[in-house]
Protein backbone atom coordinates (compact mmCIF):
# COMPACT_ATOMS: atom_id res chain seq x y z
CA MET A 1 31.15 -18.23 -5.64
CA ALA A 2 30.40 -15.60 -8.17
CA ARG A 3 26.77 -14.79 -8.47
CA LYS A 4 24.68 -13.00 -11.11
CA VAL A 5 23.36 -9.88 -9.75
CA PHE A 6 20.89 -7.26 -11.08
CA PHE A 7 21.36 -3.57 -10.36
CA SER A 8 18.42 -1.35 -9.75
CA PHE A 9 18.93 2.51 -9.56
CA HIS A 10 17.60 5.80 -10.68
CA TYR A 11 19.22 5.93 -14.12
CA GLU A 12 19.02 9.66 -14.88
CA ARG A 13 20.34 10.79 -11.55
CA ASP A 14 22.66 8.08 -10.59
CA ALA A 15 24.10 6.28 -13.53
CA TRP A 16 27.55 7.78 -12.97
CA ARG A 17 27.54 6.80 -9.34
CA ALA A 18 26.23 3.36 -10.25
CA GLY A 19 29.06 3.06 -12.81
CA GLN A 20 31.66 3.52 -10.04
CA VAL A 21 30.18 0.60 -8.13
CA ARG A 22 29.84 -1.51 -11.39
CA ASN A 23 33.39 -0.84 -12.60
CA SER A 24 35.17 -1.30 -9.28
CA ASN A 25 36.79 -4.62 -10.24
CA ILE A 26 33.99 -6.73 -8.89
CA THR A 27 33.93 -10.25 -10.24
CA GLN A 28 30.21 -10.94 -10.29
CA GLU A 29 28.53 -11.03 -13.58
CA ILE A 30 26.50 -7.77 -13.55
CA LYS A 31 23.11 -7.41 -15.26
CA GLY A 32 20.61 -4.51 -15.31
CA TYR A 33 23.01 -1.92 -16.47
CA LEU A 34 22.61 0.03 -19.79
CA ASP A 35 24.43 2.84 -21.28
CA ALA A 36 22.54 6.15 -22.10
CA ALA A 37 21.89 5.31 -25.72
CA GLU A 38 20.58 1.83 -24.89
CA TRP A 39 18.36 3.10 -22.17
CA GLU A 40 16.84 5.70 -24.33
CA GLU A 41 16.15 3.14 -27.05
CA VAL A 42 14.42 0.75 -24.65
CA LYS A 43 12.52 3.78 -23.04
CA LYS A 44 11.08 5.11 -26.20
CA LYS A 45 9.52 1.84 -27.11
CA GLY A 46 7.22 2.14 -24.10
CA ASP A 47 6.44 0.45 -20.76
CA LYS A 48 6.10 -2.99 -22.24
CA SER A 49 9.51 -2.76 -23.72
CA ILE A 50 10.97 -1.69 -20.33
CA LYS A 51 9.18 -4.57 -18.54
CA ASP A 52 10.44 -7.06 -21.06
CA TRP A 53 14.00 -5.78 -20.76
CA ILE A 54 13.84 -5.98 -16.95
CA ALA A 55 12.38 -9.52 -17.11
CA GLU A 56 15.27 -10.54 -19.44
CA GLN A 57 17.87 -8.97 -17.22
CA LEU A 58 16.57 -10.60 -14.03
CA LYS A 59 16.90 -14.10 -15.54
CA GLY A 60 19.57 -16.10 -13.96
CA THR A 61 20.06 -13.56 -11.14
CA SER A 62 19.86 -14.41 -7.52
CA VAL A 63 20.48 -10.98 -5.84
CA THR A 64 19.13 -7.55 -6.74
CA VAL A 65 21.37 -4.73 -5.59
CA VAL A 66 19.47 -1.52 -4.97
CA LEU A 67 21.84 1.43 -5.42
CA ILE A 68 20.24 4.20 -3.37
CA GLY A 69 20.50 7.83 -4.15
CA LYS A 70 18.43 10.89 -3.33
CA GLU A 71 15.33 10.04 -5.39
CA THR A 72 15.63 6.20 -5.76
CA SER A 73 12.71 5.22 -3.52
CA ASN A 74 10.29 7.28 -5.64
CA ARG A 75 11.16 5.91 -9.04
CA LYS A 76 8.66 3.90 -10.94
CA TRP A 77 11.02 1.50 -12.48
CA VAL A 78 13.13 0.92 -9.35
CA LYS A 79 9.81 -0.01 -7.53
CA TYR A 80 8.86 -2.29 -10.42
CA GLU A 81 12.41 -3.87 -10.31
CA ILE A 82 12.18 -4.58 -6.56
CA GLU A 83 8.71 -6.04 -6.93
CA GLU A 84 9.70 -8.32 -9.73
CA SER A 85 12.83 -9.31 -7.89
CA LEU A 86 10.86 -10.31 -4.79
CA LYS A 87 8.41 -12.24 -6.95
CA LYS A 88 11.20 -14.30 -8.52
CA GLY A 89 12.79 -14.90 -5.14
CA ASN A 90 15.85 -12.72 -5.52
CA LYS A 91 17.47 -11.61 -2.33
CA LEU A 92 17.90 -7.81 -1.94
CA LEU A 93 20.99 -5.69 -1.01
CA GLY A 94 20.76 -2.02 -0.54
CA ILE A 95 23.83 0.20 -0.92
CA TYR A 96 23.78 3.99 -0.60
CA ILE A 97 25.73 5.75 -3.29
CA HIS A 98 24.70 9.36 -2.65
CA ARG A 99 28.13 10.26 -1.20
CA LEU A 100 29.89 9.21 -4.46
CA LYS A 101 30.68 11.96 -6.85
CA ASN A 102 28.87 12.34 -10.15
CA GLN A 103 30.38 13.34 -13.41
CA LYS A 104 30.47 16.94 -12.28
CA GLY A 105 32.23 16.05 -8.97
CA GLU A 106 29.17 16.56 -6.90
CA LYS A 107 27.84 14.51 -3.99
CA ASP A 108 24.19 14.22 -3.29
CA THR A 109 21.99 14.05 -0.18
CA ARG A 110 20.91 10.75 1.22
CA GLY A 111 17.43 9.48 0.02
CA ASP A 112 14.93 7.07 1.64
CA ASN A 113 15.69 3.50 1.61
CA PRO A 114 13.25 1.95 -0.95
CA LEU A 115 13.49 -1.30 1.03
CA ASP A 116 11.39 0.28 3.65
CA ASN A 117 8.42 0.13 1.36
CA TYR A 118 8.32 -3.75 1.03
CA TYR A 119 7.47 -6.65 3.23
CA VAL A 120 8.56 -10.28 3.19
CA GLU A 121 7.80 -13.27 5.26
CA VAL A 122 10.44 -14.78 7.50
CA ASP A 123 9.69 -17.66 9.73
CA GLY A 124 5.96 -17.01 9.48
CA LYS A 125 6.25 -13.39 10.42
CA THR A 126 5.80 -10.33 8.14
CA LYS A 127 8.78 -7.93 8.33
CA LYS A 128 9.87 -4.92 6.45
CA ALA A 129 12.41 -5.90 3.77
CA SER A 130 14.81 -3.34 5.21
CA ASN A 131 14.82 -5.26 8.44
CA VAL A 132 15.58 -8.58 6.64
CA PHE A 133 17.98 -7.43 3.96
CA LYS A 134 20.99 -5.27 4.90
CA THR A 135 21.81 -1.80 3.44
CA TYR A 136 25.42 -0.40 3.43
CA PHE A 137 27.15 2.80 2.50
CA TRP A 138 29.45 2.10 -0.48
CA ASP A 139 32.18 4.52 0.72
CA LEU A 140 31.79 4.38 4.49
CA ASP A 141 31.53 0.46 4.73
CA ASN A 142 34.35 -0.05 2.15
CA GLY A 143 32.16 -1.56 -0.68
CA TYR A 144 35.10 -1.94 -2.91
CA ASP A 145 36.54 -4.63 -0.59
CA ASN A 146 33.27 -6.02 0.95
CA PHE A 147 30.81 -6.15 -1.98
CA SER A 148 31.32 -9.87 -2.71
CA ASP A 149 30.72 -10.74 0.95
CA TRP A 150 27.59 -8.48 1.06
CA ILE A 151 26.18 -10.35 -1.93
CA GLU A 152 26.97 -13.77 -0.45
CA GLU A 153 25.40 -12.69 2.81
CA ALA A 154 22.22 -11.51 1.05
CA ALA A 155 22.01 -14.69 -0.94
CA GLU A 156 21.85 -16.76 2.23
CA ILE A 157 18.68 -15.01 3.65
CA SER A 158 15.58 -17.15 3.59
CA TYR A 159 12.24 -15.48 3.07
CA LYS A 160 8.91 -16.02 1.30
């Protein structure tokens, strides 16, 4: 079953890498992805405009895919997207993308997993989100072939 997913990532640093995941012939409907001109337009209207855009993009999604690069865990809007995703009951899926090449052909260094910063309740116990929701490496774990399965696996996880 195809699911609607929202992508959360550090736009300025990782848009090219995120695009490689997004454009890899994945059949899920993808939300949460803007081109540079659209992002600049939303951003210049201020924080309320960004929050409204995020809320609109999260509608109808059931899984939020956090694409993890070097600086992702420190980004204000990534944090906000994760928080809003958890509030609406989205499941999370982390994918390290730092090893993918950017537009200059450069790989990056691995960043911290932002899911380490959030907690969810499972079976009456509070657990780190990173211990509940899995994180993969796009290249090492063959994301091209496994992404749909990862999304379905994430969607089946129960938490509060």
